[in-house]
Amino acid sequence: MKVNDQITIEYWEVTEQFTRSSGPGGQNVNKVSTAVELRFEAERSPNLPAPVKTRLRRLAGQKWTKDGAVVLFVQETRSQARNRDIARERLVELIRKAVEVPKRRRPTRPTYGSVKRRLKEKKVRGEVKALRGKVEE
């Protein structure tokens, strides 16, 4: 599977298991294993650079297992082949997102005028609240 010009996933790195799908489908649901569980051993993959692996771990979330694999479970359609294609597309899309280097955030400071306006407003609110005290007779 080709992710981009630099990264290609070999078919031996991906294992697929087929199980029975839940949901509508009549007798077909009880007979045919259409759901796909795709497992990609990301931690041991020689084709993924280390920074991509760390970003992939963060993006995958609960799909990342303790032994460093990405597990995708698809049971959207009644067709095993279509579910298999969807799972592969999702894996490629997840890796493409991990390849993108996020832009570094530069911390900014509030402008002098905005600080002055904020402090002035705080002072006004404080004065309003101070006037809410008990009235002395």
Protein backbone atom coordinates (compact mmCIF):
# COMPACT_ATOMS: atom_id res chain seq x y z
CA MET A 1 0.00 0.00 0.00
CA LYS A 2 1.42 3.34 -1.04
CA VAL A 3 1.04 6.14 1.52
CA ASN A 4 3.16 8.78 -0.24
CA ASP A 5 6.36 8.99 -2.31
CA GLN A 6 8.60 8.07 0.64
CA ILE A 7 6.46 5.61 2.62
CA THR A 8 5.09 2.32 1.32
CA ILE A 9 3.54 -0.30 3.57
CA GLU A 10 4.31 -3.87 2.61
CA TYR A 11 1.46 -6.38 2.69
CA TRP A 12 3.32 -8.60 5.18
CA GLU A 13 3.18 -5.77 7.75
CA VAL A 14 -0.64 -5.87 7.77
CA THR A 15 -2.73 -8.78 9.05
CA GLU A 16 -6.47 -9.08 8.59
CA GLN A 17 -8.98 -11.14 10.50
CA PHE A 18 -12.60 -11.59 9.51
CA THR A 19 -15.42 -11.97 12.02
CA ARG A 20 -19.17 -11.94 11.92
CA SER A 21 -20.67 -8.51 11.69
CA SER A 22 -23.45 -7.20 13.91
CA GLY A 23 -26.50 -5.28 12.77
CA PRO A 24 -28.99 -5.80 9.92
CA GLY A 25 -28.41 -8.35 7.19
CA GLY A 26 -30.83 -11.18 7.82
CA GLN A 27 -29.47 -14.73 7.65
CA ASN A 28 -26.37 -13.41 5.92
CA VAL A 29 -25.15 -11.99 9.26
CA ASN A 30 -25.20 -15.46 10.83
CA LYS A 31 -23.36 -17.16 7.97
CA VAL A 32 -20.75 -14.82 6.48
CA SER A 33 -17.80 -13.18 8.23
CA THR A 34 -17.88 -9.68 6.76
CA ALA A 35 -16.37 -7.55 9.55
CA VAL A 36 -12.66 -6.82 9.15
CA GLU A 37 -10.09 -6.35 11.91
CA LEU A 38 -6.97 -4.87 10.32
CA ARG A 39 -3.78 -4.94 12.41
CA PHE A 40 -0.71 -2.92 11.41
CA GLU A 41 2.48 -3.49 13.44
CA ALA A 42 3.50 0.19 13.42
CA GLU A 43 6.18 0.02 16.12
CA ARG A 44 8.11 -2.68 14.26
CA SER A 45 7.59 -1.26 10.78
CA PRO A 46 10.91 -0.49 9.03
CA ASN A 47 9.16 1.86 6.58
CA LEU A 48 7.98 4.45 9.15
CA PRO A 49 10.45 7.02 10.52
CA ALA A 50 10.53 7.49 14.33
CA PRO A 51 8.82 10.93 14.38
CA VAL A 52 5.98 9.58 12.24
CA LYS A 53 5.55 6.66 14.65
CA THR A 54 5.22 8.99 17.65
CA ARG A 55 2.66 11.18 15.85
CA LEU A 56 0.79 8.05 14.72
CA ARG A 57 0.62 6.82 18.33
CA ARG A 58 -0.94 10.13 19.39
CA LEU A 59 -3.41 10.21 16.47
CA ALA A 60 -4.45 6.56 16.79
CA GLY A 61 -5.44 6.94 20.45
CA GLN A 62 -7.30 3.83 21.63
CA LYS A 63 -6.59 2.07 18.35
CA TRP A 64 -2.91 1.82 19.40
CA THR A 65 -2.22 -1.35 21.40
CA LYS A 66 0.35 -1.88 24.15
CA ASP A 67 2.57 -3.90 21.82
CA GLY A 68 2.69 -1.05 19.29
CA ALA A 69 0.10 -2.07 16.71
CA VAL A 70 -2.72 -0.06 15.15
CA VAL A 71 -5.98 -2.04 15.12
CA LEU A 72 -8.89 -0.88 12.92
CA PHE A 73 -12.26 -2.64 13.05
CA VAL A 74 -14.69 -2.07 10.16
CA GLN A 75 -18.19 -3.55 9.78
CA GLU A 76 -19.95 -0.82 7.81
CA THR A 77 -21.09 -2.78 4.77
CA ARG A 78 -22.35 -6.29 4.09
CA SER A 79 -19.45 -6.92 1.73
CA GLN A 80 -16.21 -8.31 3.14
CA ALA A 81 -14.18 -6.88 0.26
CA ARG A 82 -15.64 -3.39 0.72
CA ASN A 83 -15.00 -3.47 4.49
CA ARG A 84 -11.43 -4.54 3.77
CA ASP A 85 -10.94 -1.62 1.36
CA ILE A 86 -12.42 0.83 3.89
CA ALA A 87 -10.05 -0.42 6.61
CA ARG A 88 -7.02 -0.05 4.33
CA GLU A 89 -8.10 3.45 3.26
CA ARG A 90 -8.46 4.48 6.91
CA LEU A 91 -5.01 3.14 7.75
CA VAL A 92 -3.41 5.02 4.86
CA GLU A 93 -5.27 8.22 5.83
CA LEU A 94 -4.15 7.87 9.45
CA ILE A 95 -0.52 7.48 8.39
CA ARG A 96 -0.80 10.45 5.99
CA LYS A 97 -1.99 12.62 8.89
CA ALA A 98 0.95 11.38 10.99
CA VAL A 99 3.41 12.31 8.22
CA GLU A 100 2.34 15.96 8.34
CA VAL A 101 4.57 17.95 10.69
CA PRO A 102 2.40 20.24 12.83
CA LYS A 103 3.16 23.94 12.73
CA ARG A 104 5.00 25.12 15.80
CA ARG A 105 3.01 27.53 17.95
CA ARG A 106 4.60 30.88 18.67
CA PRO A 107 3.30 32.37 21.91
CA THR A 108 1.98 35.90 21.46
CA ARG A 109 1.49 38.73 23.92
CA PRO A 110 -1.62 40.88 24.27
CA THR A 111 -1.30 44.41 22.89
CA TYR A 112 -0.74 47.34 25.23
CA GLY A 113 -4.15 48.80 24.35
CA SER A 114 -6.01 45.53 25.05
CA VAL A 115 -4.35 45.22 28.47
CA LYS A 116 -5.36 48.82 29.32
CA ARG A 117 -8.97 48.22 28.19
CA ARG A 118 -9.21 45.00 30.21
CA LEU A 119 -7.91 46.65 33.39
CA LYS A 120 -10.23 49.65 32.91
CA GLU A 121 -13.24 47.32 32.53
CA LYS A 122 -12.19 45.41 35.65
CA LYS A 123 -12.05 48.66 37.60
CA VAL A 124 -15.52 49.70 36.38
CA ARG A 125 -17.00 46.28 37.31
CA GLY A 126 -15.36 46.49 40.73
CA GLU A 127 -16.89 49.90 41.34
CA VAL A 128 -20.35 48.64 40.30
CA LYS A 129 -20.06 45.71 42.70
CA ALA A 130 -18.81 47.95 45.52
CA LEU A 131 -22.00 50.00 45.22
CA ARG A 132 -24.09 46.89 45.87
CA GLY A 133 -23.27 46.91 49.60
CA LYS A 134 -25.79 47.49 52.39
CA VAL A 135 -27.25 50.96 52.68
CA GLU A 136 -26.44 52.66 55.99
CA GLU A 137 -29.22 54.82 57.51
